[in-house]
N, C-alpha and C. Protein backbone atom coordinates (compact mmCIF):
# COMPACT_ATOMS: atom_id res chain seq x y z
N GLY A 1 3.94 88.94 -52.39
CA GLY A 1 2.57 88.71 -52.02
C GLY A 1 1.61 89.32 -53.01
N VAL A 2 0.39 88.95 -52.83
CA VAL A 2 -0.69 89.39 -53.71
C VAL A 2 -1.78 90.02 -52.87
N VAL A 3 -2.32 91.12 -53.34
CA VAL A 3 -3.52 91.71 -52.77
C VAL A 3 -4.62 91.48 -53.79
N ALA A 4 -5.68 90.83 -53.38
CA ALA A 4 -6.79 90.54 -54.30
C ALA A 4 -7.88 91.58 -54.09
N SER A 5 -8.11 92.41 -55.09
CA SER A 5 -9.19 93.39 -55.04
C SER A 5 -10.38 92.79 -55.76
N VAL A 6 -11.44 92.53 -55.00
CA VAL A 6 -12.62 91.87 -55.57
C VAL A 6 -13.88 92.64 -55.19
N GLN A 7 -14.90 92.41 -55.96
CA GLN A 7 -16.19 93.03 -55.75
C GLN A 7 -17.18 91.91 -55.46
N PRO A 8 -17.53 91.69 -54.19
CA PRO A 8 -18.38 90.56 -53.83
C PRO A 8 -19.67 90.41 -54.63
N PRO A 9 -20.36 91.49 -54.99
CA PRO A 9 -21.59 91.29 -55.76
C PRO A 9 -21.38 90.59 -57.11
N HIS A 10 -20.17 90.68 -57.66
CA HIS A 10 -19.95 90.03 -58.95
C HIS A 10 -20.27 88.54 -58.91
N ALA A 11 -19.90 87.87 -57.84
CA ALA A 11 -20.14 86.42 -57.78
C ALA A 11 -21.63 86.10 -57.87
N VAL A 12 -22.44 86.86 -57.15
CA VAL A 12 -23.87 86.53 -57.17
C VAL A 12 -24.56 87.07 -58.42
N GLU A 13 -24.03 88.13 -58.98
CA GLU A 13 -24.63 88.67 -60.21
C GLU A 13 -24.20 87.90 -61.45
N ASP A 14 -23.01 87.31 -61.41
CA ASP A 14 -22.47 86.60 -62.58
C ASP A 14 -22.81 85.11 -62.58
N LYS A 15 -23.38 84.61 -61.50
CA LYS A 15 -23.59 83.16 -61.36
C LYS A 15 -24.44 82.56 -62.48
N GLY A 16 -25.30 83.34 -63.08
CA GLY A 16 -26.18 82.83 -64.12
C GLY A 16 -25.50 82.56 -65.45
N TRP A 17 -24.37 83.19 -65.69
CA TRP A 17 -23.71 83.03 -66.99
C TRP A 17 -22.23 82.66 -66.91
N ALA A 18 -21.59 82.85 -65.77
CA ALA A 18 -20.14 82.70 -65.68
C ALA A 18 -19.65 81.29 -66.03
N GLU A 19 -20.31 80.27 -65.49
CA GLU A 19 -19.84 78.91 -65.75
C GLU A 19 -19.96 78.55 -67.22
N THR A 20 -21.01 79.01 -67.87
CA THR A 20 -21.19 78.75 -69.29
C THR A 20 -20.06 79.38 -70.10
N ARG A 21 -19.64 80.56 -69.70
CA ARG A 21 -18.59 81.27 -70.46
C ARG A 21 -17.19 80.75 -70.19
N VAL A 22 -16.87 80.42 -68.95
CA VAL A 22 -15.50 80.00 -68.65
C VAL A 22 -15.33 78.50 -68.51
N GLY A 23 -16.42 77.77 -68.38
CA GLY A 23 -16.35 76.31 -68.29
C GLY A 23 -16.38 75.81 -66.86
N ALA A 24 -16.88 74.60 -66.71
CA ALA A 24 -17.06 74.00 -65.38
C ALA A 24 -15.73 73.82 -64.64
N ASP A 25 -14.66 73.50 -65.35
CA ASP A 25 -13.37 73.29 -64.69
C ASP A 25 -12.77 74.61 -64.19
N ARG A 26 -12.85 75.64 -65.01
CA ARG A 26 -12.22 76.91 -64.65
C ARG A 26 -13.04 77.74 -63.67
N ILE A 27 -14.35 77.51 -63.59
CA ILE A 27 -15.17 78.32 -62.69
C ILE A 27 -14.76 78.11 -61.23
N ALA A 28 -14.18 76.96 -60.93
CA ALA A 28 -13.75 76.68 -59.55
C ALA A 28 -12.68 77.67 -59.09
N GLY A 29 -11.94 78.24 -60.01
CA GLY A 29 -10.91 79.22 -59.66
C GLY A 29 -11.37 80.66 -59.76
N ALA A 30 -12.59 80.86 -60.21
CA ALA A 30 -13.14 82.21 -60.31
C ALA A 30 -13.92 82.54 -59.04
N TYR A 31 -13.85 83.77 -58.61
CA TYR A 31 -14.57 84.21 -57.40
C TYR A 31 -14.17 83.34 -56.20
N ALA A 32 -12.94 82.90 -56.17
CA ALA A 32 -12.46 81.92 -55.18
C ALA A 32 -11.87 82.62 -53.95
N TRP A 33 -12.71 83.32 -53.23
CA TRP A 33 -12.24 84.13 -52.11
C TRP A 33 -11.67 83.30 -50.98
N ARG A 34 -12.31 82.22 -50.60
CA ARG A 34 -11.80 81.38 -49.51
C ARG A 34 -10.43 80.81 -49.89
N THR A 35 -10.30 80.38 -51.14
CA THR A 35 -9.02 79.85 -51.61
C THR A 35 -7.93 80.91 -51.51
N LEU A 36 -8.25 82.13 -51.89
CA LEU A 36 -7.28 83.23 -51.79
C LEU A 36 -6.90 83.49 -50.33
N ARG A 37 -7.88 83.48 -49.45
CA ARG A 37 -7.60 83.71 -48.02
C ARG A 37 -6.71 82.60 -47.47
N LEU A 38 -7.01 81.35 -47.82
CA LEU A 38 -6.20 80.23 -47.34
C LEU A 38 -4.76 80.32 -47.84
N ALA A 39 -4.57 80.96 -48.99
CA ALA A 39 -3.23 81.16 -49.53
C ALA A 39 -2.53 82.37 -48.91
N GLY A 40 -3.24 83.07 -48.02
CA GLY A 40 -2.64 84.20 -47.32
C GLY A 40 -2.88 85.56 -47.95
N ALA A 41 -3.66 85.62 -49.00
CA ALA A 41 -3.90 86.90 -49.68
C ALA A 41 -4.93 87.73 -48.91
N PRO A 42 -4.61 89.00 -48.65
CA PRO A 42 -5.64 89.87 -48.10
C PRO A 42 -6.64 90.20 -49.21
N LEU A 43 -7.91 90.23 -48.85
CA LEU A 43 -8.95 90.56 -49.82
C LEU A 43 -9.41 91.99 -49.59
N VAL A 44 -9.35 92.78 -50.62
CA VAL A 44 -9.80 94.16 -50.58
C VAL A 44 -11.14 94.20 -51.30
N PHE A 45 -12.19 94.51 -50.57
CA PHE A 45 -13.53 94.55 -51.15
C PHE A 45 -13.88 95.98 -51.55
N SER A 46 -14.61 96.09 -52.64
CA SER A 46 -15.07 97.39 -53.12
C SER A 46 -16.28 97.18 -54.01
N SER A 47 -16.83 98.29 -54.48
CA SER A 47 -17.93 98.19 -55.45
C SER A 47 -17.32 98.29 -56.84
N ASP A 48 -18.13 98.15 -57.83
CA ASP A 48 -17.67 98.28 -59.20
C ASP A 48 -18.66 99.15 -59.96
N LEU A 49 -19.04 100.25 -59.34
CA LEU A 49 -19.98 101.15 -59.98
C LEU A 49 -19.38 101.67 -61.27
N PRO A 50 -20.03 101.65 -62.39
CA PRO A 50 -21.44 101.31 -62.58
C PRO A 50 -21.67 99.85 -62.94
N GLY A 51 -20.65 99.01 -62.87
CA GLY A 51 -20.82 97.61 -63.25
C GLY A 51 -21.59 96.78 -62.26
N SER A 52 -21.73 97.28 -61.05
CA SER A 52 -22.43 96.54 -60.00
C SER A 52 -22.99 97.54 -59.01
N ASP A 53 -23.85 97.07 -58.15
CA ASP A 53 -24.43 97.92 -57.11
C ASP A 53 -23.33 98.41 -56.17
N TRP A 54 -23.34 99.67 -55.82
CA TRP A 54 -22.31 100.27 -54.98
C TRP A 54 -22.55 100.05 -53.49
N ASN A 55 -23.72 99.58 -53.11
CA ASN A 55 -24.12 99.49 -51.71
C ASN A 55 -23.22 98.52 -50.93
N PRO A 56 -22.46 99.00 -49.93
CA PRO A 56 -21.57 98.11 -49.19
C PRO A 56 -22.30 97.04 -48.38
N PHE A 57 -23.55 97.31 -48.01
CA PHE A 57 -24.32 96.31 -47.26
C PHE A 57 -24.66 95.13 -48.17
N TYR A 58 -24.99 95.42 -49.40
CA TYR A 58 -25.21 94.37 -50.40
C TYR A 58 -23.91 93.60 -50.63
N GLY A 59 -22.80 94.32 -50.67
CA GLY A 59 -21.50 93.67 -50.82
C GLY A 59 -21.18 92.74 -49.66
N LEU A 60 -21.44 93.20 -48.44
CA LEU A 60 -21.22 92.34 -47.28
C LEU A 60 -22.09 91.09 -47.37
N HIS A 61 -23.36 91.28 -47.70
CA HIS A 61 -24.28 90.15 -47.84
C HIS A 61 -23.77 89.17 -48.90
N SER A 62 -23.33 89.69 -50.03
CA SER A 62 -22.83 88.84 -51.11
C SER A 62 -21.61 88.04 -50.68
N ALA A 63 -20.70 88.68 -49.96
CA ALA A 63 -19.48 87.99 -49.51
C ALA A 63 -19.79 86.89 -48.50
N ILE A 64 -20.72 87.17 -47.60
CA ILE A 64 -21.04 86.22 -46.52
C ILE A 64 -21.89 85.06 -47.01
N THR A 65 -22.85 85.34 -47.89
CA THR A 65 -23.81 84.30 -48.30
C THR A 65 -23.58 83.73 -49.68
N ARG A 66 -22.98 84.53 -50.57
CA ARG A 66 -22.86 84.19 -51.99
C ARG A 66 -24.24 83.88 -52.58
N GLN A 67 -25.22 84.64 -52.10
CA GLN A 67 -26.59 84.56 -52.60
C GLN A 67 -27.01 85.94 -53.10
N ASP A 68 -27.94 85.94 -54.05
CA ASP A 68 -28.48 87.21 -54.51
C ASP A 68 -29.53 87.71 -53.51
N THR A 69 -30.15 88.83 -53.82
CA THR A 69 -31.09 89.44 -52.88
C THR A 69 -32.34 88.60 -52.66
N SER A 70 -32.62 87.66 -53.56
CA SER A 70 -33.79 86.79 -53.38
C SER A 70 -33.44 85.54 -52.56
N GLY A 71 -32.15 85.38 -52.20
CA GLY A 71 -31.72 84.21 -51.44
C GLY A 71 -31.29 83.04 -52.30
N ALA A 72 -31.15 83.27 -53.59
CA ALA A 72 -30.74 82.20 -54.50
C ALA A 72 -29.24 82.27 -54.75
N PRO A 73 -28.64 81.13 -54.95
CA PRO A 73 -29.18 79.79 -54.74
C PRO A 73 -29.15 79.42 -53.26
N PRO A 74 -29.99 78.48 -52.85
CA PRO A 74 -29.97 78.04 -51.45
C PRO A 74 -28.56 77.58 -51.06
N GLY A 75 -28.07 78.06 -49.95
CA GLY A 75 -26.73 77.69 -49.50
C GLY A 75 -25.62 78.51 -50.12
N GLY A 76 -25.91 79.25 -51.18
CA GLY A 76 -24.91 80.09 -51.83
C GLY A 76 -24.26 79.43 -53.03
N TRP A 77 -23.79 80.26 -53.95
CA TRP A 77 -23.12 79.80 -55.16
C TRP A 77 -21.67 79.48 -54.80
N HIS A 78 -21.27 78.23 -55.01
CA HIS A 78 -19.95 77.75 -54.58
C HIS A 78 -19.74 78.15 -53.12
N PRO A 79 -20.56 77.59 -52.23
CA PRO A 79 -20.57 78.02 -50.83
C PRO A 79 -19.25 77.82 -50.08
N GLY A 80 -18.40 76.96 -50.56
CA GLY A 80 -17.10 76.78 -49.93
C GLY A 80 -16.21 78.00 -50.03
N GLN A 81 -16.60 78.97 -50.86
CA GLN A 81 -15.81 80.18 -51.05
C GLN A 81 -16.38 81.38 -50.27
N ARG A 82 -17.41 81.14 -49.45
CA ARG A 82 -17.99 82.23 -48.66
C ARG A 82 -16.99 82.78 -47.66
N MET A 83 -17.20 84.01 -47.27
CA MET A 83 -16.42 84.66 -46.23
C MET A 83 -17.21 84.68 -44.93
N SER A 84 -16.53 84.67 -43.81
CA SER A 84 -17.21 84.89 -42.54
C SER A 84 -17.61 86.36 -42.48
N ALA A 85 -18.51 86.69 -41.57
CA ALA A 85 -18.92 88.09 -41.42
C ALA A 85 -17.71 88.95 -41.04
N GLU A 86 -16.86 88.44 -40.18
CA GLU A 86 -15.68 89.21 -39.78
C GLU A 86 -14.74 89.44 -40.97
N GLU A 87 -14.51 88.42 -41.78
CA GLU A 87 -13.65 88.58 -42.95
C GLU A 87 -14.25 89.58 -43.93
N ALA A 88 -15.55 89.50 -44.14
CA ALA A 88 -16.21 90.43 -45.06
C ALA A 88 -16.06 91.86 -44.58
N LEU A 89 -16.26 92.09 -43.30
CA LEU A 89 -16.11 93.43 -42.74
C LEU A 89 -14.67 93.90 -42.86
N ARG A 90 -13.73 93.02 -42.60
CA ARG A 90 -12.31 93.37 -42.75
C ARG A 90 -11.98 93.72 -44.21
N GLY A 91 -12.61 93.02 -45.15
CA GLY A 91 -12.36 93.31 -46.56
C GLY A 91 -12.71 94.73 -46.95
N TYR A 92 -13.73 95.28 -46.32
CA TYR A 92 -14.14 96.65 -46.60
C TYR A 92 -13.43 97.68 -45.71
N THR A 93 -12.72 97.24 -44.68
CA THR A 93 -12.12 98.18 -43.73
C THR A 93 -10.61 97.97 -43.59
N VAL A 94 -10.23 97.06 -42.72
CA VAL A 94 -8.83 96.86 -42.36
C VAL A 94 -7.96 96.53 -43.56
N TRP A 95 -8.37 95.54 -44.33
CA TRP A 95 -7.53 95.11 -45.46
C TRP A 95 -7.50 96.17 -46.56
N SER A 96 -8.58 96.90 -46.74
CA SER A 96 -8.59 97.98 -47.74
C SER A 96 -7.65 99.10 -47.32
N ALA A 97 -7.67 99.46 -46.04
CA ALA A 97 -6.75 100.49 -45.55
C ALA A 97 -5.30 100.05 -45.73
N TRP A 98 -5.03 98.79 -45.41
CA TRP A 98 -3.67 98.27 -45.56
C TRP A 98 -3.21 98.34 -47.02
N ALA A 99 -4.09 97.94 -47.94
CA ALA A 99 -3.73 97.93 -49.36
C ALA A 99 -3.49 99.35 -49.88
N ALA A 100 -4.12 100.34 -49.26
CA ALA A 100 -3.95 101.74 -49.67
C ALA A 100 -2.82 102.42 -48.89
N PHE A 101 -2.04 101.64 -48.15
CA PHE A 101 -0.96 102.17 -47.30
C PHE A 101 -1.50 103.18 -46.30
N ASP A 102 -2.71 102.93 -45.79
CA ASP A 102 -3.38 103.86 -44.87
C ASP A 102 -3.65 103.21 -43.52
N GLU A 103 -3.02 102.09 -43.24
CA GLU A 103 -3.33 101.35 -42.01
C GLU A 103 -2.92 102.08 -40.73
N LEU A 104 -2.01 103.06 -40.82
CA LEU A 104 -1.63 103.80 -39.63
C LEU A 104 -2.68 104.84 -39.24
N ASP A 105 -3.50 105.25 -40.20
CA ASP A 105 -4.52 106.27 -39.94
C ASP A 105 -5.95 105.77 -40.07
N GLY A 106 -6.17 104.68 -40.77
CA GLY A 106 -7.54 104.23 -41.04
C GLY A 106 -7.67 102.72 -40.96
N GLY A 107 -8.89 102.27 -41.20
CA GLY A 107 -9.17 100.84 -41.25
C GLY A 107 -9.66 100.23 -39.97
N THR A 108 -9.28 100.81 -38.84
CA THR A 108 -9.75 100.35 -37.53
C THR A 108 -10.04 101.58 -36.67
N ILE A 109 -10.76 101.35 -35.59
CA ILE A 109 -11.04 102.41 -34.63
C ILE A 109 -10.03 102.26 -33.50
N SER A 110 -9.05 103.14 -33.47
CA SER A 110 -7.99 103.06 -32.47
C SER A 110 -7.56 104.47 -32.08
N VAL A 111 -7.03 104.61 -30.88
CA VAL A 111 -6.50 105.89 -30.42
C VAL A 111 -5.43 106.36 -31.40
N GLY A 112 -5.53 107.62 -31.82
CA GLY A 112 -4.55 108.20 -32.72
C GLY A 112 -4.91 108.11 -34.19
N LYS A 113 -5.94 107.34 -34.52
CA LYS A 113 -6.36 107.25 -35.92
C LYS A 113 -7.42 108.31 -36.21
N ARG A 114 -7.79 108.45 -37.47
CA ARG A 114 -8.68 109.52 -37.92
C ARG A 114 -10.07 109.49 -37.32
N ALA A 115 -10.56 108.37 -36.90
CA ALA A 115 -11.93 108.23 -36.41
C ALA A 115 -12.94 108.50 -37.53
N ASP A 116 -12.70 107.87 -38.67
CA ASP A 116 -13.68 107.85 -39.76
C ASP A 116 -14.50 106.58 -39.54
N LEU A 117 -15.79 106.73 -39.29
CA LEU A 117 -16.60 105.55 -39.03
C LEU A 117 -18.06 105.81 -39.30
N SER A 118 -18.78 104.72 -39.42
CA SER A 118 -20.24 104.77 -39.58
C SER A 118 -20.86 103.86 -38.53
N VAL A 119 -21.98 104.29 -37.99
CA VAL A 119 -22.78 103.47 -37.09
C VAL A 119 -23.93 102.93 -37.93
N LEU A 120 -24.14 101.63 -37.89
CA LEU A 120 -25.12 100.98 -38.75
C LEU A 120 -26.38 100.61 -37.98
N SER A 121 -27.45 100.42 -38.71
CA SER A 121 -28.71 100.00 -38.09
C SER A 121 -28.74 98.52 -37.76
N VAL A 122 -27.79 97.76 -38.28
CA VAL A 122 -27.66 96.34 -37.95
C VAL A 122 -26.22 96.06 -37.56
N ASP A 123 -26.01 94.96 -36.89
CA ASP A 123 -24.66 94.53 -36.51
C ASP A 123 -24.24 93.45 -37.49
N PRO A 124 -23.32 93.75 -38.41
CA PRO A 124 -22.94 92.76 -39.42
C PRO A 124 -22.27 91.52 -38.84
N LEU A 125 -21.79 91.59 -37.61
CA LEU A 125 -21.15 90.44 -36.99
C LEU A 125 -22.12 89.56 -36.22
N ARG A 126 -23.28 90.09 -35.87
CA ARG A 126 -24.23 89.33 -35.05
C ARG A 126 -25.57 89.08 -35.71
N ASP A 127 -26.05 90.03 -36.50
CA ASP A 127 -27.37 89.88 -37.11
C ASP A 127 -27.29 88.92 -38.30
N ALA A 128 -28.42 88.38 -38.67
CA ALA A 128 -28.49 87.49 -39.83
C ALA A 128 -28.02 88.24 -41.07
N PRO A 129 -27.25 87.60 -41.94
CA PRO A 129 -26.76 88.28 -43.14
C PRO A 129 -27.87 88.95 -43.96
N ARG A 130 -29.06 88.34 -43.99
CA ARG A 130 -30.17 88.92 -44.75
C ARG A 130 -30.52 90.32 -44.26
N ALA A 131 -30.32 90.59 -42.96
CA ALA A 131 -30.60 91.91 -42.39
C ALA A 131 -29.74 92.99 -43.03
N LEU A 132 -28.57 92.61 -43.53
CA LEU A 132 -27.69 93.58 -44.17
C LEU A 132 -28.35 94.24 -45.38
N LEU A 133 -29.22 93.52 -46.05
CA LEU A 133 -29.88 94.06 -47.24
C LEU A 133 -30.79 95.23 -46.91
N HIS A 134 -31.14 95.37 -45.63
CA HIS A 134 -32.03 96.46 -45.20
C HIS A 134 -31.32 97.41 -44.24
N SER A 135 -30.01 97.28 -44.14
CA SER A 135 -29.23 98.11 -43.23
C SER A 135 -29.09 99.53 -43.76
N GLU A 136 -28.91 100.44 -42.84
CA GLU A 136 -28.67 101.84 -43.19
C GLU A 136 -27.63 102.40 -42.23
N ALA A 137 -26.93 103.41 -42.68
CA ALA A 137 -26.06 104.16 -41.77
C ALA A 137 -26.95 105.08 -40.94
N VAL A 138 -26.71 105.12 -39.64
CA VAL A 138 -27.49 106.03 -38.79
C VAL A 138 -26.63 107.20 -38.30
N LEU A 139 -25.31 107.08 -38.46
CA LEU A 139 -24.41 108.16 -38.09
C LEU A 139 -23.10 107.96 -38.84
N THR A 140 -22.52 109.05 -39.30
CA THR A 140 -21.23 109.00 -39.97
C THR A 140 -20.30 110.04 -39.34
N MET A 141 -19.08 109.60 -39.04
CA MET A 141 -18.06 110.50 -38.50
C MET A 141 -16.89 110.56 -39.47
N SER A 142 -16.31 111.74 -39.58
CA SER A 142 -15.09 111.93 -40.35
C SER A 142 -14.12 112.72 -39.48
N ARG A 143 -12.96 112.15 -39.29
CA ARG A 143 -11.94 112.77 -38.45
C ARG A 143 -12.47 113.12 -37.06
N GLY A 144 -13.32 112.23 -36.54
CA GLY A 144 -13.83 112.39 -35.19
C GLY A 144 -15.02 113.32 -35.03
N ARG A 145 -15.49 113.89 -36.13
CA ARG A 145 -16.65 114.80 -36.07
C ARG A 145 -17.84 114.16 -36.74
N ILE A 146 -19.01 114.28 -36.12
CA ILE A 146 -20.23 113.78 -36.74
C ILE A 146 -20.55 114.68 -37.93
N ILE A 147 -20.61 114.07 -39.11
CA ILE A 147 -20.93 114.85 -40.31
C ILE A 147 -22.30 114.52 -40.86
N TRP A 148 -22.89 113.43 -40.37
CA TRP A 148 -24.25 113.06 -40.79
C TRP A 148 -24.88 112.21 -39.72
N GLN A 149 -26.16 112.45 -39.47
CA GLN A 149 -26.87 111.67 -38.47
C GLN A 149 -28.33 111.56 -38.88
N ARG A 150 -28.91 110.38 -38.73
CA ARG A 150 -30.32 110.18 -39.05
C ARG A 150 -31.16 110.77 -37.96
């Protein structure tokens, strides 16, 4: 099997030059997250600091919409490769923990796990993807203890 480690902001940040550099035929296979998912590959999402913005909310927005912060392009760049909100969230949590061999202790909120979690100002599964661009953490827990709170 294959684990695909990708940085969602790359697709929206590279859209202006990528097709010119790799060609119209090959661009269809680049940033092809939906294709990878359909092939059964877990997607591990991360940032690429300093190559890209580290903000995970921007990353979620990029994965779900394939649009930049201005909403361009309408409908998203290669929109058939967009992720659902649930898949995008899993890419930053469950699938990342699995890829790091940490699924027994992290990645989900379950009895017996570390209880590392953040409470967000928006609901990434219910709110409009654009709201993610203005989201903030309002509480952070590590090993079941509140370590930061707004």
